[in-house]
Amino acid sequence: MTALRKEINYAIACVSEFAERHKLSKQEAFNYLYKYKGIEFLKENYEIEHTLSLDDALDDLFIICRNNGGTL
């Protein structure tokens, strides 16, 4: 599996779990994470974030989005 494929699969997993945690559809979760820089954060910090537990990564996404104006 290529490095890019691994990053994409990780981002998909994070979006899906974020949606479940916050009672959103996957599309709503993606839109929220995209708007408030969560997707950008995952792309820029994949090397570190994928070594954390999924719960820690989701907590980080929540904090990043909140710091960028998200209000979940």
Protein backbone atom coordinates (compact mmCIF):
# COMPACT_ATOMS: atom_id res chain seq x y z
CA MET A 1 0.00 0.00 0.00
CA THR A 2 1.37 3.41 -0.91
CA ALA A 3 2.01 6.12 1.64
CA LEU A 4 -0.69 8.30 0.12
CA ARG A 5 -3.21 5.44 0.31
CA LYS A 6 -2.38 4.97 4.01
CA GLU A 7 -2.93 8.68 4.67
CA ILE A 8 -6.26 8.62 2.83
CA ASN A 9 -7.44 5.53 4.72
CA TYR A 10 -6.42 7.12 8.01
CA ALA A 11 -8.29 10.34 7.19
CA ILE A 12 -11.40 8.34 6.24
CA ALA A 13 -11.23 6.44 9.53
CA CYS A 14 -10.85 9.68 11.48
CA VAL A 15 -13.78 11.33 9.70
CA SER A 16 -15.98 8.26 10.29
CA GLU A 17 -15.11 8.04 13.97
CA PHE A 18 -15.47 11.82 14.42
CA ALA A 19 -18.94 11.56 12.89
CA GLU A 20 -19.92 8.77 15.24
CA ARG A 21 -18.52 10.52 18.31
CA HIS A 22 -20.36 13.76 17.57
CA LYS A 23 -23.58 12.24 16.18
CA LEU A 24 -23.03 13.64 12.67
CA SER A 25 -23.33 12.08 9.25
CA LYS A 26 -20.01 11.33 7.61
CA GLN A 27 -20.65 14.15 5.13
CA GLU A 28 -21.40 16.61 7.95
CA ALA A 29 -18.26 15.50 9.79
CA PHE A 30 -16.11 15.91 6.69
CA ASN A 31 -17.56 19.35 5.95
CA TYR A 32 -16.98 20.45 9.55
CA LEU A 33 -13.42 19.11 9.63
CA TYR A 34 -12.65 20.67 6.26
CA LYS A 35 -14.12 24.06 7.18
CA TYR A 36 -12.34 24.28 10.53
CA LYS A 37 -8.95 22.96 9.33
CA GLY A 38 -9.17 19.44 10.79
CA ILE A 39 -8.52 17.78 7.42
CA GLU A 40 -5.57 20.10 6.80
CA PHE A 41 -4.24 19.22 10.27
CA LEU A 42 -4.48 15.49 9.51
CA LYS A 43 -2.64 15.93 6.21
CA GLU A 44 0.13 18.04 7.76
CA ASN A 45 0.55 15.90 10.88
CA TYR A 46 -0.11 12.38 9.63
CA GLU A 47 3.32 11.10 10.66
CA ILE A 48 2.63 11.93 14.30
CA GLU A 49 -1.15 11.57 14.52
CA HIS A 50 -1.31 8.04 13.10
CA THR A 51 0.94 6.83 15.92
CA LEU A 52 -1.57 7.99 18.54
CA SER A 53 -4.70 6.20 19.64
CA LEU A 54 -7.74 7.05 17.58
CA ASP A 55 -9.31 8.64 20.67
CA ASP A 56 -6.31 10.96 21.06
CA ALA A 57 -6.42 11.86 17.36
CA LEU A 58 -10.14 12.66 17.62
CA ASP A 59 -9.49 14.83 20.67
CA ASP A 60 -6.79 16.67 18.70
CA LEU A 61 -9.19 17.21 15.78
CA PHE A 62 -11.82 18.62 18.14
CA ILE A 63 -9.29 21.05 19.64
CA ILE A 64 -7.96 22.16 16.24
CA CYS A 65 -11.46 22.79 14.93
CA ARG A 66 -12.52 24.64 18.07
CA ASN A 67 -9.42 26.82 17.82
CA ASN A 68 -10.41 27.64 14.24
CA GLY A 69 -13.99 28.65 15.08
CA GLY A 70 -15.79 25.28 15.25
CA THR A 71 -18.57 25.10 17.82
CA LEU A 72 -19.43 21.42 18.32
